[in-house]
Amino acid sequence: MDRRVVITGVGGLCGLGTDAASMWKEMREGRSAIGPLANSELHDLEGMTGAEIKALPEHDIDRKQLVSMARFSLLAVLAAREAMRQAGLSCDEGNAHRFGATVGVGGLGWDVMEETYRALLLDGARRVGILAVPKTMPSAAAGQVSLRLGLRGPVFGVTSACASANHAIASAVDQIKLGRADVMVSGGSDAPFAWGV
């Protein structure tokens, strides 16, 4: 348990910016991301405010992959990719079993729940989409990070309300100190803006 653990890369997206550098800059300048919600996918929530991510950064995740993800999972994948790039790390078949991920999620795939409720209750659908359950589970973000980065070590989600990301990071440290992994991608993700939330 004497193994030293260090943070070698960071990534992130929030209402202040779509990468870690722009987020830090805006925070240092004392800016707030809270304002009117503008996303048309939120079913015209007039007068609602929040710290919304107005636009996602350019990415190469194709439509087939996007269909399998709720928004909180996509945000986790984009942040994890940035952290891996910043750290100068890559995962290949030779070391994939030594790379893992822990992602904290305070909620679940609210956007998918919203779509599902609308389909069933308003549109008269007789069944839910086949991916509805795996997309909404809080552990989905960690699973998607693992899939998209090729990680084959310890991978799990952590859900403990507002402390989820902190607990995920502490759990990642434990995985390294216990010798279960050499590299852990860790953090938190949530995307709570939906009509029913």
N, C-alpha and C. Protein backbone atom coordinates (compact mmCIF):
# COMPACT_ATOMS: atom_id res chain seq x y z
N MET A 1 0.82 -1.20 0.00
CA MET A 1 0.00 0.00 0.00
C MET A 1 0.86 1.26 0.00
N ASP A 2 2.18 1.15 -0.15
CA ASP A 2 3.05 2.32 -0.17
C ASP A 2 3.20 2.91 -1.56
N ARG A 3 2.52 2.35 -2.52
CA ARG A 3 2.65 2.79 -3.90
C ARG A 3 2.15 4.22 -4.05
N ARG A 4 2.96 5.07 -4.67
CA ARG A 4 2.61 6.47 -4.86
C ARG A 4 1.65 6.61 -6.04
N VAL A 5 0.64 7.45 -5.89
CA VAL A 5 -0.35 7.67 -6.95
C VAL A 5 -0.35 9.15 -7.29
N VAL A 6 -0.24 9.47 -8.58
CA VAL A 6 -0.24 10.86 -9.03
C VAL A 6 -1.25 11.06 -10.15
N ILE A 7 -1.71 12.29 -10.29
CA ILE A 7 -2.60 12.65 -11.41
C ILE A 7 -1.72 13.17 -12.53
N THR A 8 -1.81 12.53 -13.70
CA THR A 8 -0.94 12.91 -14.82
C THR A 8 -1.68 13.61 -15.95
N GLY A 9 -3.00 13.59 -15.92
CA GLY A 9 -3.78 14.27 -16.96
C GLY A 9 -5.17 14.56 -16.46
N VAL A 10 -5.76 15.63 -16.96
CA VAL A 10 -7.14 15.98 -16.59
C VAL A 10 -7.93 16.27 -17.85
N GLY A 11 -9.22 16.08 -17.74
CA GLY A 11 -10.13 16.40 -18.84
C GLY A 11 -11.44 16.84 -18.25
N GLY A 12 -12.21 17.58 -19.00
CA GLY A 12 -13.50 17.99 -18.47
C GLY A 12 -14.33 18.80 -19.43
N LEU A 13 -15.61 18.83 -19.15
CA LEU A 13 -16.58 19.65 -19.88
C LEU A 13 -17.58 20.15 -18.86
N CYS A 14 -17.97 21.39 -19.00
CA CYS A 14 -19.05 21.94 -18.18
C CYS A 14 -19.55 23.20 -18.88
N GLY A 15 -20.44 23.90 -18.25
CA GLY A 15 -20.98 25.11 -18.85
C GLY A 15 -19.94 26.19 -19.09
N LEU A 16 -18.78 26.10 -18.44
CA LEU A 16 -17.71 27.08 -18.61
C LEU A 16 -16.82 26.79 -19.81
N GLY A 17 -16.78 25.55 -20.27
CA GLY A 17 -15.91 25.21 -21.39
C GLY A 17 -15.95 23.74 -21.72
N THR A 18 -15.44 23.42 -22.88
CA THR A 18 -15.49 22.03 -23.34
C THR A 18 -14.12 21.35 -23.30
N ASP A 19 -13.21 21.92 -22.52
CA ASP A 19 -11.94 21.25 -22.23
C ASP A 19 -11.43 21.80 -20.91
N ALA A 20 -10.49 21.10 -20.32
CA ALA A 20 -10.02 21.47 -18.98
C ALA A 20 -9.40 22.86 -18.96
N ALA A 21 -8.62 23.21 -19.98
CA ALA A 21 -7.95 24.52 -19.99
C ALA A 21 -8.95 25.68 -20.01
N SER A 22 -9.97 25.58 -20.84
CA SER A 22 -10.95 26.68 -20.90
C SER A 22 -11.78 26.75 -19.62
N MET A 23 -12.07 25.61 -19.02
CA MET A 23 -12.79 25.61 -17.74
C MET A 23 -11.98 26.33 -16.66
N TRP A 24 -10.68 25.97 -16.55
CA TRP A 24 -9.83 26.59 -15.53
C TRP A 24 -9.72 28.09 -15.76
N LYS A 25 -9.57 28.50 -17.01
CA LYS A 25 -9.46 29.93 -17.34
C LYS A 25 -10.70 30.68 -16.87
N GLU A 26 -11.86 30.16 -17.21
CA GLU A 26 -13.12 30.82 -16.83
C GLU A 26 -13.30 30.86 -15.32
N MET A 27 -12.91 29.79 -14.64
CA MET A 27 -13.02 29.77 -13.17
C MET A 27 -12.08 30.80 -12.55
N ARG A 28 -10.84 30.87 -13.04
CA ARG A 28 -9.88 31.84 -12.51
C ARG A 28 -10.37 33.27 -12.69
N GLU A 29 -11.11 33.50 -13.77
CA GLU A 29 -11.63 34.84 -14.04
C GLU A 29 -12.96 35.11 -13.33
N GLY A 30 -13.42 34.13 -12.54
CA GLY A 30 -14.62 34.32 -11.74
C GLY A 30 -15.92 34.27 -12.51
N ARG A 31 -15.92 33.64 -13.67
CA ARG A 31 -17.13 33.58 -14.48
C ARG A 31 -18.09 32.50 -13.96
N SER A 32 -19.36 32.71 -14.22
CA SER A 32 -20.39 31.73 -13.88
C SER A 32 -20.99 31.19 -15.17
N ALA A 33 -21.29 29.92 -15.19
CA ALA A 33 -21.92 29.30 -16.36
C ALA A 33 -23.43 29.27 -16.24
N ILE A 34 -23.96 29.71 -15.13
CA ILE A 34 -25.41 29.63 -14.90
C ILE A 34 -26.13 30.68 -15.73
N GLY A 35 -27.12 30.22 -16.46
CA GLY A 35 -27.91 31.11 -17.31
C GLY A 35 -29.11 30.37 -17.85
N PRO A 36 -29.87 31.01 -18.74
CA PRO A 36 -31.05 30.36 -19.33
C PRO A 36 -30.66 29.09 -20.09
N LEU A 37 -31.47 28.05 -19.96
CA LEU A 37 -31.24 26.82 -20.72
C LEU A 37 -31.63 27.07 -22.17
N ALA A 38 -30.75 26.68 -23.09
CA ALA A 38 -30.98 26.96 -24.50
C ALA A 38 -31.17 25.71 -25.34
N ASN A 39 -30.89 24.54 -24.81
CA ASN A 39 -30.91 23.30 -25.58
C ASN A 39 -32.34 22.95 -26.00
N SER A 40 -32.56 22.86 -27.31
CA SER A 40 -33.90 22.57 -27.82
C SER A 40 -34.35 21.15 -27.48
N GLU A 41 -33.41 20.27 -27.15
CA GLU A 41 -33.77 18.91 -26.76
C GLU A 41 -34.46 18.87 -25.40
N LEU A 42 -34.45 19.97 -24.69
CA LEU A 42 -35.06 20.01 -23.36
C LEU A 42 -36.53 20.39 -23.43
N HIS A 43 -37.11 20.29 -24.60
CA HIS A 43 -38.55 20.49 -24.78
C HIS A 43 -39.01 21.87 -24.34
N ASP A 44 -38.28 22.90 -24.77
CA ASP A 44 -38.66 24.30 -24.53
C ASP A 44 -38.95 24.61 -23.07
N LEU A 45 -37.99 24.40 -22.24
CA LEU A 45 -38.13 24.73 -20.82
C LEU A 45 -37.94 26.23 -20.63
N GLU A 46 -38.95 26.99 -20.88
CA GLU A 46 -38.85 28.44 -20.78
C GLU A 46 -38.61 28.88 -19.34
N GLY A 47 -37.72 29.85 -19.19
CA GLY A 47 -37.47 30.43 -17.88
C GLY A 47 -36.61 29.59 -16.96
N MET A 48 -36.14 28.44 -17.42
CA MET A 48 -35.31 27.57 -16.59
C MET A 48 -33.84 27.99 -16.71
N THR A 49 -33.11 27.88 -15.63
CA THR A 49 -31.69 28.22 -15.64
C THR A 49 -30.85 27.05 -15.17
N GLY A 50 -29.60 27.07 -15.55
CA GLY A 50 -28.67 26.03 -15.14
C GLY A 50 -27.31 26.28 -15.77
N ALA A 51 -26.35 25.45 -15.47
CA ALA A 51 -25.01 25.55 -16.04
C ALA A 51 -24.90 24.55 -17.19
N GLU A 52 -25.55 24.87 -18.27
CA GLU A 52 -25.68 23.98 -19.43
C GLU A 52 -24.44 24.02 -20.33
N ILE A 53 -24.06 22.86 -20.85
CA ILE A 53 -23.03 22.79 -21.89
C ILE A 53 -23.76 23.13 -23.20
N LYS A 54 -23.46 24.29 -23.77
CA LYS A 54 -24.21 24.78 -24.93
C LYS A 54 -23.90 23.97 -26.20
N ALA A 55 -22.65 23.56 -26.37
CA ALA A 55 -22.26 22.77 -27.55
C ALA A 55 -21.12 21.84 -27.15
N LEU A 56 -21.14 20.66 -27.70
CA LEU A 56 -20.07 19.69 -27.42
C LEU A 56 -18.87 19.97 -28.32
N PRO A 57 -17.68 19.58 -27.88
CA PRO A 57 -16.51 19.74 -28.74
C PRO A 57 -16.58 18.76 -29.92
N GLU A 58 -15.82 19.05 -30.95
CA GLU A 58 -15.73 18.12 -32.08
C GLU A 58 -15.21 16.78 -31.56
N HIS A 59 -15.78 15.70 -32.08
CA HIS A 59 -15.32 14.37 -31.69
C HIS A 59 -15.57 13.40 -32.84
N ASP A 60 -14.95 12.24 -32.74
CA ASP A 60 -15.06 11.24 -33.81
C ASP A 60 -15.93 10.05 -33.41
N ILE A 61 -16.75 10.22 -32.40
CA ILE A 61 -17.64 9.13 -31.99
C ILE A 61 -18.79 9.08 -32.99
N ASP A 62 -18.91 7.96 -33.68
CA ASP A 62 -19.91 7.88 -34.76
C ASP A 62 -21.32 7.62 -34.21
N ARG A 63 -22.28 7.78 -35.10
CA ARG A 63 -23.69 7.67 -34.72
C ARG A 63 -24.02 6.31 -34.11
N LYS A 64 -23.43 5.24 -34.64
CA LYS A 64 -23.70 3.90 -34.10
C LYS A 64 -23.28 3.80 -32.63
N GLN A 65 -22.16 4.42 -32.30
CA GLN A 65 -21.70 4.41 -30.91
C GLN A 65 -22.54 5.34 -30.05
N LEU A 66 -22.92 6.49 -30.60
CA LEU A 66 -23.72 7.45 -29.84
C LEU A 66 -25.08 6.88 -29.45
N VAL A 67 -25.63 6.03 -30.30
CA VAL A 67 -26.94 5.43 -30.01
C VAL A 67 -26.89 4.59 -28.73
N SER A 68 -25.72 4.09 -28.38
CA SER A 68 -25.59 3.25 -27.19
C SER A 68 -25.28 4.03 -25.92
N MET A 69 -25.26 5.38 -26.01
CA MET A 69 -24.86 6.20 -24.86
C MET A 69 -25.91 7.23 -24.48
N ALA A 70 -26.12 7.39 -23.19
CA ALA A 70 -26.85 8.55 -22.68
C ALA A 70 -25.85 9.72 -22.64
N ARG A 71 -26.36 10.93 -22.51
CA ARG A 71 -25.50 12.12 -22.54
C ARG A 71 -24.42 12.07 -21.45
N PHE A 72 -24.75 11.62 -20.24
CA PHE A 72 -23.74 11.60 -19.18
C PHE A 72 -22.58 10.68 -19.52
N SER A 73 -22.84 9.60 -20.26
CA SER A 73 -21.77 8.70 -20.68
C SER A 73 -20.90 9.35 -21.74
N LEU A 74 -21.53 10.05 -22.69
CA LEU A 74 -20.76 10.76 -23.72
C LEU A 74 -19.84 11.79 -23.07
N LEU A 75 -20.34 12.54 -22.12
CA LEU A 75 -19.51 13.54 -21.44
C LEU A 75 -18.32 12.88 -20.74
N ALA A 76 -18.56 11.74 -20.11
CA ALA A 76 -17.48 11.00 -19.43
C ALA A 76 -16.43 10.54 -20.43
N VAL A 77 -16.86 10.03 -21.58
CA VAL A 77 -15.92 9.56 -22.60
C VAL A 77 -15.08 10.71 -23.13
N LEU A 78 -15.71 11.83 -23.44
CA LEU A 78 -14.97 12.99 -23.97
C LEU A 78 -13.95 13.49 -22.96
N ALA A 79 -14.32 13.57 -21.69
CA ALA A 79 -13.39 14.02 -20.65
C ALA A 79 -12.26 13.01 -20.46
N ALA A 80 -12.58 11.73 -20.49
CA ALA A 80 -11.56 10.68 -20.31
C ALA A 80 -10.55 10.70 -21.46
N ARG A 81 -11.04 10.91 -22.68
CA ARG A 81 -10.12 11.00 -23.82
C ARG A 81 -9.16 12.17 -23.66
N GLU A 82 -9.69 13.30 -23.22
CA GLU A 82 -8.83 14.47 -23.02
C GLU A 82 -7.78 14.19 -21.95
N ALA A 83 -8.18 13.57 -20.86
CA ALA A 83 -7.24 13.25 -19.78
C ALA A 83 -6.14 12.30 -20.26
N MET A 84 -6.51 11.30 -21.04
CA MET A 84 -5.51 10.35 -21.56
C MET A 84 -4.55 11.06 -22.52
N ARG A 85 -5.08 11.94 -23.38
CA ARG A 85 -4.21 12.70 -24.29
C ARG A 85 -3.25 13.59 -23.49
N GLN A 86 -3.79 14.30 -22.52
CA GLN A 86 -2.97 15.20 -21.72
C GLN A 86 -1.88 14.45 -20.97
N ALA A 87 -2.19 13.26 -20.51
CA ALA A 87 -1.21 12.44 -19.78
C ALA A 87 -0.21 11.76 -20.71
N GLY A 88 -0.50 11.77 -22.01
CA GLY A 88 0.38 11.09 -22.96
C GLY A 88 0.30 9.58 -22.85
N LEU A 89 -0.86 9.08 -22.42
CA LEU A 89 -1.03 7.64 -22.23
C LEU A 89 -1.91 7.05 -23.32
N SER A 90 -1.63 5.81 -23.66
CA SER A 90 -2.51 5.07 -24.56
C SER A 90 -2.55 3.63 -24.07
N CYS A 91 -3.63 3.00 -24.39
CA CYS A 91 -3.87 1.64 -23.94
C CYS A 91 -3.79 0.72 -25.16
N ASP A 92 -2.99 -0.32 -25.09
CA ASP A 92 -2.95 -1.29 -26.19
C ASP A 92 -3.16 -2.68 -25.62
N GLU A 93 -3.20 -3.66 -26.50
CA GLU A 93 -3.47 -5.03 -26.05
C GLU A 93 -2.46 -5.53 -25.03
N GLY A 94 -1.23 -5.03 -25.09
CA GLY A 94 -0.21 -5.50 -24.16
C GLY A 94 -0.40 -5.01 -22.74
N ASN A 95 -1.03 -3.83 -22.59
CA ASN A 95 -1.16 -3.29 -21.23
C ASN A 95 -2.61 -2.99 -20.84
N ALA A 96 -3.56 -3.32 -21.68
CA ALA A 96 -4.97 -2.97 -21.44
C ALA A 96 -5.48 -3.49 -20.10
N HIS A 97 -5.01 -4.64 -19.67
CA HIS A 97 -5.49 -5.22 -18.41
C HIS A 97 -5.00 -4.45 -17.19
N ARG A 98 -4.04 -3.53 -17.37
CA ARG A 98 -3.52 -2.72 -16.27
C ARG A 98 -4.12 -1.32 -16.24
N PHE A 99 -5.04 -1.03 -17.17
CA PHE A 99 -5.74 0.25 -17.25
C PHE A 99 -7.19 0.04 -16.86
N GLY A 100 -7.71 0.87 -15.96
CA GLY A 100 -9.10 0.74 -15.54
C GLY A 100 -9.80 2.08 -15.47
N ALA A 101 -11.05 2.07 -15.04
CA ALA A 101 -11.84 3.30 -14.94
C ALA A 101 -12.84 3.20 -13.81
N THR A 102 -12.97 4.29 -13.07
CA THR A 102 -14.05 4.45 -12.11
C THR A 102 -14.69 5.80 -12.39
N VAL A 103 -16.00 5.81 -12.55
CA VAL A 103 -16.71 7.06 -12.85
C VAL A 103 -17.87 7.20 -11.87
N GLY A 104 -17.89 8.33 -11.20
CA GLY A 104 -18.97 8.63 -10.27
C GLY A 104 -20.11 9.33 -10.97
N VAL A 105 -21.32 8.90 -10.66
CA VAL A 105 -22.53 9.48 -11.26
C VAL A 105 -23.55 9.67 -10.15
N GLY A 106 -24.00 10.90 -9.97
CA GLY A 106 -24.98 11.18 -8.92
C GLY A 106 -26.39 10.80 -9.30
N GLY A 107 -26.66 10.73 -10.59
CA GLY A 107 -28.01 10.41 -11.06
C GLY A 107 -27.98 9.21 -11.99
N LEU A 108 -28.50 9.41 -13.17
CA LEU A 108 -28.53 8.36 -14.19
C LEU A 108 -28.79 9.01 -15.54
N GLY A 109 -29.13 8.24 -16.54
CA GLY A 109 -29.37 8.77 -17.88
C GLY A 109 -30.73 9.44 -18.01
N TRP A 110 -30.85 10.63 -17.45
CA TRP A 110 -32.15 11.33 -17.44
C TRP A 110 -32.68 11.58 -18.84
N ASP A 111 -31.81 11.86 -19.79
CA ASP A 111 -32.27 12.10 -21.16
C ASP A 111 -32.93 10.86 -21.75
N VAL A 112 -32.38 9.69 -21.45
CA VAL A 112 -32.96 8.44 -21.94
C VAL A 112 -34.27 8.14 -21.21
N MET A 113 -34.31 8.40 -19.92
CA MET A 113 -35.56 8.22 -19.17
C MET A 113 -36.65 9.11 -19.76
N GLU A 114 -36.30 10.35 -20.07
CA GLU A 114 -37.25 11.29 -20.65
C GLU A 114 -37.79 10.76 -21.99
N GLU A 115 -36.87 10.32 -22.86
CA GLU A 115 -37.28 9.75 -24.16
C GLU A 115 -38.21 8.56 -23.96
N THR A 116 -37.87 7.70 -23.02
CA THR A 116 -38.65 6.50 -22.77
C THR A 116 -40.04 6.84 -22.24
N TYR A 117 -40.11 7.73 -21.27
CA TYR A 117 -41.42 8.15 -20.74
C TYR A 117 -42.28 8.77 -21.83
N ARG A 118 -41.68 9.62 -22.64
CA ARG A 118 -42.44 10.28 -23.71
C ARG A 118 -42.97 9.24 -24.70
N ALA A 119 -42.10 8.29 -25.07
CA ALA A 119 -42.52 7.26 -26.02
C ALA A 119 -43.68 6.44 -25.46
N LEU A 120 -43.57 6.02 -24.22
CA LEU A 120 -44.60 5.17 -23.62
C LEU A 120 -45.88 5.93 -23.26
N LEU A 121 -45.73 7.07 -22.63
CA LEU A 121 -46.89 7.78 -22.08
C LEU A 121 -47.55 8.76 -23.05
N LEU A 122 -46.77 9.35 -23.93
CA LEU A 122 -47.34 10.36 -24.83
C LEU A 122 -47.51 9.86 -26.26
N ASP A 123 -46.57 9.03 -26.71
CA ASP A 123 -46.60 8.59 -28.11
C ASP A 123 -47.24 7.23 -28.30
N GLY A 124 -47.61 6.56 -27.22
CA GLY A 124 -48.29 5.27 -27.33
C GLY A 124 -47.42 4.08 -27.67
N ALA A 125 -46.11 4.20 -27.49
CA ALA A 125 -45.23 3.05 -27.75
C ALA A 125 -45.62 1.90 -26.83
N ARG A 126 -45.44 0.68 -27.31
CA ARG A 126 -45.82 -0.49 -26.53
C ARG A 126 -44.64 -1.11 -25.79
N ARG A 127 -43.43 -0.68 -26.11
CA ARG A 127 -42.25 -1.19 -25.41
C ARG A 127 -41.14 -0.13 -25.46
N VAL A 128 -40.16 -0.31 -24.61
CA VAL A 128 -39.04 0.63 -24.57
C VAL A 128 -37.94 0.15 -25.50
N GLY A 129 -37.03 1.05 -25.84
CA GLY A 129 -35.89 0.68 -26.67
C GLY A 129 -35.02 -0.36 -25.98
N ILE A 130 -34.42 -1.22 -26.76
CA ILE A 130 -33.62 -2.32 -26.21
C ILE A 130 -32.43 -1.83 -25.38
N LEU A 131 -31.93 -0.62 -25.67
CA LEU A 131 -30.78 -0.09 -24.93
C LEU A 131 -31.17 0.82 -23.77
N ALA A 132 -32.46 1.00 -23.53
CA ALA A 132 -32.90 1.96 -22.50
C ALA A 132 -32.29 1.66 -21.13
N VAL A 133 -32.32 0.43 -20.70
CA VAL A 133 -31.80 0.10 -19.37
C VAL A 133 -30.28 0.23 -19.32
N PRO A 134 -29.51 -0.40 -20.24
CA PRO A 134 -28.06 -0.25 -20.14
C PRO A 134 -27.57 1.20 -20.32
N LYS A 135 -28.33 2.02 -21.03
CA LYS A 135 -27.92 3.42 -21.20
C LYS A 135 -28.17 4.25 -19.95
N THR A 136 -29.18 3.92 -19.17
CA THR A 136 -29.55 4.75 -18.02
C THR A 136 -28.82 4.38 -16.74
N MET A 137 -28.28 3.19 -16.64
CA MET A 137 -27.63 2.75 -15.39
C MET A 137 -26.47 3.67 -15.04
N PRO A 138 -26.32 4.02 -13.77
CA PRO A 138 -25.20 4.88 -13.37
C PRO A 138 -23.83 4.31 -13.75
N SER A 139 -23.71 2.99 -13.82
CA SER A 139 -22.43 2.38 -14.18
C SER A 139 -22.13 2.47 -15.68
N ALA A 140 -23.09 2.93 -16.47
CA ALA A 140 -22.90 3.01 -17.92
C ALA A 140 -21.74 3.90 -18.31
N ALA A 141 -21.52 5.00 -17.60
CA ALA A 141 -20.43 5.92 -17.95
C ALA A 141 -19.08 5.22 -17.85
N ALA A 142 -18.84 4.49 -16.77
CA ALA A 142 -17.57 3.77 -16.62
C ALA A 142 -17.43 2.71 -17.71
N GLY A 143 -18.52 2.02 -18.01
CA GLY A 143 -18.48 1.01 -19.07
C GLY A 143 -18.15 1.61 -20.42
N GLN A 144 -18.76 2.75 -20.74
CA GLN A 144 -18.49 3.41 -22.02
C GLN A 144 -17.05 3.92 -22.09
N VAL A 145 -16.54 4.47 -21.01
CA VAL A 145 -15.14 4.91 -20.98
C VAL A 145 -14.23 3.72 -21.27
N SER A 146 -14.51 2.60 -20.62
CA SER A 146 -13.72 1.39 -20.82
C SER A 146 -13.77 0.92 -22.28
N LEU A 147 -14.98 0.87 -22.83
CA LEU A 147 -15.14 0.42 -24.22
C LEU A 147 -14.43 1.33 -25.20
N ARG A 148 -14.62 2.64 -25.06
CA ARG A 148 -14.08 3.60 -26.03
C ARG A 148 -12.58 3.77 -25.93
N LEU A 149 -12.00 3.52 -24.74
CA LEU A 149 -10.55 3.65 -24.57
C LEU A 149 -9.82 2.31 -24.58
N GLY A 150 -10.57 1.22 -24.62
CA GLY A 150 -9.96 -0.11 -24.65
C GLY A 150 -9.39 -0.57 -23.32
N LEU A 151 -9.93 -0.08 -22.22
CA LEU A 151 -9.44 -0.44 -20.89
C LEU A 151 -9.98 -1.82 -20.49
N ARG A 152 -9.12 -2.67 -19.96
CA ARG A 152 -9.52 -4.02 -19.58
C ARG A 152 -9.25 -4.34 -18.12
N GLY A 153 -8.83 -3.36 -17.35
CA GLY A 153 -8.59 -3.55 -15.92
C GLY A 153 -9.87 -3.33 -15.14
N PRO A 154 -9.77 -2.99 -13.86
CA PRO A 154 -10.96 -2.76 -13.04
C PRO A 154 -11.81 -1.62 -13.60
N VAL A 155 -13.08 -1.86 -13.78
CA VAL A 155 -14.01 -0.85 -14.31
C VAL A 155 -15.30 -0.93 -13.52
N PHE A 156 -15.70 0.18 -12.90
CA PHE A 156 -16.97 0.20 -12.19
C PHE A 156 -17.44 1.63 -11.96
N GLY A 157 -18.74 1.75 -11.75
CA GLY A 157 -19.35 3.03 -11.44
C GLY A 157 -19.51 3.19 -9.94
N VAL A 158 -19.55 4.44 -9.51
CA VAL A 158 -19.74 4.75 -8.10
C VAL A 158 -20.89 5.74 -8.01
N THR A 159 -21.86 5.46 -7.17
CA THR A 159 -23.00 6.36 -7.01
C THR A 159 -23.21 6.66 -5.54
N SER A 160 -22.91 7.89 -5.17
CA SER A 160 -23.10 8.33 -3.78
C SER A 160 -23.45 9.82 -3.78
N ALA A 161 -24.52 10.14 -4.50
CA ALA A 161 -25.04 11.51 -4.59
C ALA A 161 -23.94 12.48 -5.04
N CYS A 162 -23.85 13.62 -4.39
CA CYS A 162 -22.91 14.66 -4.81
C CYS A 162 -21.45 14.30 -4.55
N ALA A 163 -21.19 13.26 -3.80
CA ALA A 163 -19.82 12.82 -3.52
C ALA A 163 -19.35 11.75 -4.50
N SER A 164 -20.15 11.41 -5.50
CA SER A 164 -19.84 10.30 -6.40
C SER A 164 -18.47 10.41 -7.05
N ALA A 165 -18.14 11.55 -7.63
CA ALA A 165 -16.85 11.71 -8.31
C ALA A 165 -15.69 11.58 -7.33
N ASN A 166 -15.83 12.19 -6.16
CA ASN A 166 -14.77 12.08 -5.15
C ASN A 166 -14.56 10.63 -4.72
N HIS A 167 -15.64 9.91 -4.52
CA HIS A 167 -15.52 8.50 -4.14
C HIS A 167 -14.93 7.67 -5.27
N ALA A 168 -15.27 8.01 -6.52
CA ALA A 168 -14.70 7.29 -7.67
C ALA A 168 -13.19 7.51 -7.73
N ILE A 169 -12.75 8.73 -7.51
CA ILE A 169 -11.31 9.03 -7.54
C ILE A 169 -10.60 8.29 -6.40
N ALA A 170 -11.17 8.31 -5.21
CA ALA A 170 -10.58 7.57 -4.08
C ALA A 170 -10.52 6.08 -4.38
N SER A 171 -11.56 5.56 -5.01
CA SER A 171 -11.58 4.13 -5.38
C SER A 171 -10.51 3.82 -6.42
N ALA A 172 -10.27 4.75 -7.34
CA ALA A 172 -9.22 4.57 -8.35
C ALA A 172 -7.85 4.50 -7.68
N VAL A 173 -7.62 5.38 -6.72
CA VAL A 173 -6.36 5.35 -5.96
C VAL A 173 -6.20 3.98 -5.30
N ASP A 174 -7.26 3.48 -4.69
CA ASP A 174 -7.21 2.17 -4.05
C ASP A 174 -6.83 1.07 -5.04
N GLN A 175 -7.39 1.10 -6.24
CA GLN A 175 -7.08 0.07 -7.24
C GLN A 175 -5.59 0.04 -7.57
N ILE A 176 -4.99 1.23 -7.66
CA ILE A 176 -3.55 1.32 -7.94
C ILE A 176 -2.75 0.86 -6.73
N LYS A 177 -3.09 1.35 -5.56
CA LYS A 177 -2.34 0.99 -4.34
C LYS A 177 -2.44 -0.51 -4.04
N LEU A 178 -3.56 -1.12 -4.38
CA LEU A 178 -3.73 -2.55 -4.15
C LEU A 178 -3.08 -3.40 -5.24
N GLY A 179 -2.49 -2.76 -6.25
CA GLY A 179 -1.80 -3.47 -7.31
C GLY A 179 -2.72 -4.03 -8.39
N ARG A 180 -3.97 -3.63 -8.41
CA ARG A 180 -4.92 -4.14 -9.40
C ARG A 180 -4.81 -3.43 -10.74
N ALA A 181 -4.21 -2.24 -10.75
CA ALA A 181 -4.07 -1.46 -11.98
C ALA A 181 -2.85 -0.56 -11.86
N ASP A 182 -2.31 -0.17 -13.01
CA ASP A 182 -1.22 0.81 -13.05
C ASP A 182 -1.75 2.19 -13.39
N VAL A 183 -2.83 2.22 -14.16
CA VAL A 183 -3.44 3.49 -14.60
C VAL A 183 -4.94 3.39 -14.38
N MET A 184 -5.51 4.42 -13.78
CA MET A 184 -6.97 4.50 -13.62
C MET A 184 -7.45 5.83 -14.17
N VAL A 185 -8.45 5.77 -15.03
CA VAL A 185 -9.14 6.98 -15.50
C VAL A 185 -10.32 7.16 -14.56
N SER A 186 -10.43 8.33 -13.95
CA SER A 186 -11.44 8.48 -12.92
C SER A 186 -12.00 9.90 -12.88
N GLY A 187 -13.23 10.02 -12.41
CA GLY A 187 -13.88 11.32 -12.28
C GLY A 187 -15.37 11.14 -12.12
N GLY A 188 -16.12 12.11 -12.59
CA GLY A 188 -17.56 12.05 -12.46
C GLY A 188 -18.26 12.66 -13.65
N SER A 189 -19.52 12.30 -13.83
CA SER A 189 -20.31 12.83 -14.94
C SER A 189 -21.78 12.80 -14.59
N ASP A 190 -22.47 13.86 -14.95
CA ASP A 190 -23.93 13.92 -14.81
C ASP A 190 -24.48 14.81 -15.90
N ALA A 191 -25.68 14.56 -16.32
CA ALA A 191 -26.38 15.38 -17.31
C ALA A 191 -27.85 15.44 -16.90
N PRO A 192 -28.18 16.24 -15.89
CA PRO A 192 -29.51 16.18 -15.29
C PRO A 192 -30.60 16.98 -15.98
N PHE A 193 -30.30 17.72 -17.04
CA PHE A 193 -31.32 18.58 -17.62
C PHE A 193 -32.29 17.81 -18.51
N ALA A 194 -33.46 17.56 -18.00
CA ALA A 194 -34.55 16.92 -18.74
C ALA A 194 -35.86 17.47 -18.18
N TRP A 195 -36.89 17.44 -18.96
CA TRP A 195 -38.18 18.01 -18.58
C TRP A 195 -38.68 17.47 -17.25
N GLY A 196 -38.56 16.18 -17.05
CA GLY A 196 -39.12 15.56 -15.85
C GLY A 196 -38.26 15.68 -14.61
N VAL A 197 -37.08 16.26 -14.72
CA VAL A 197 -36.17 16.32 -13.57
C VAL A 197 -36.26 17.68 -12.91
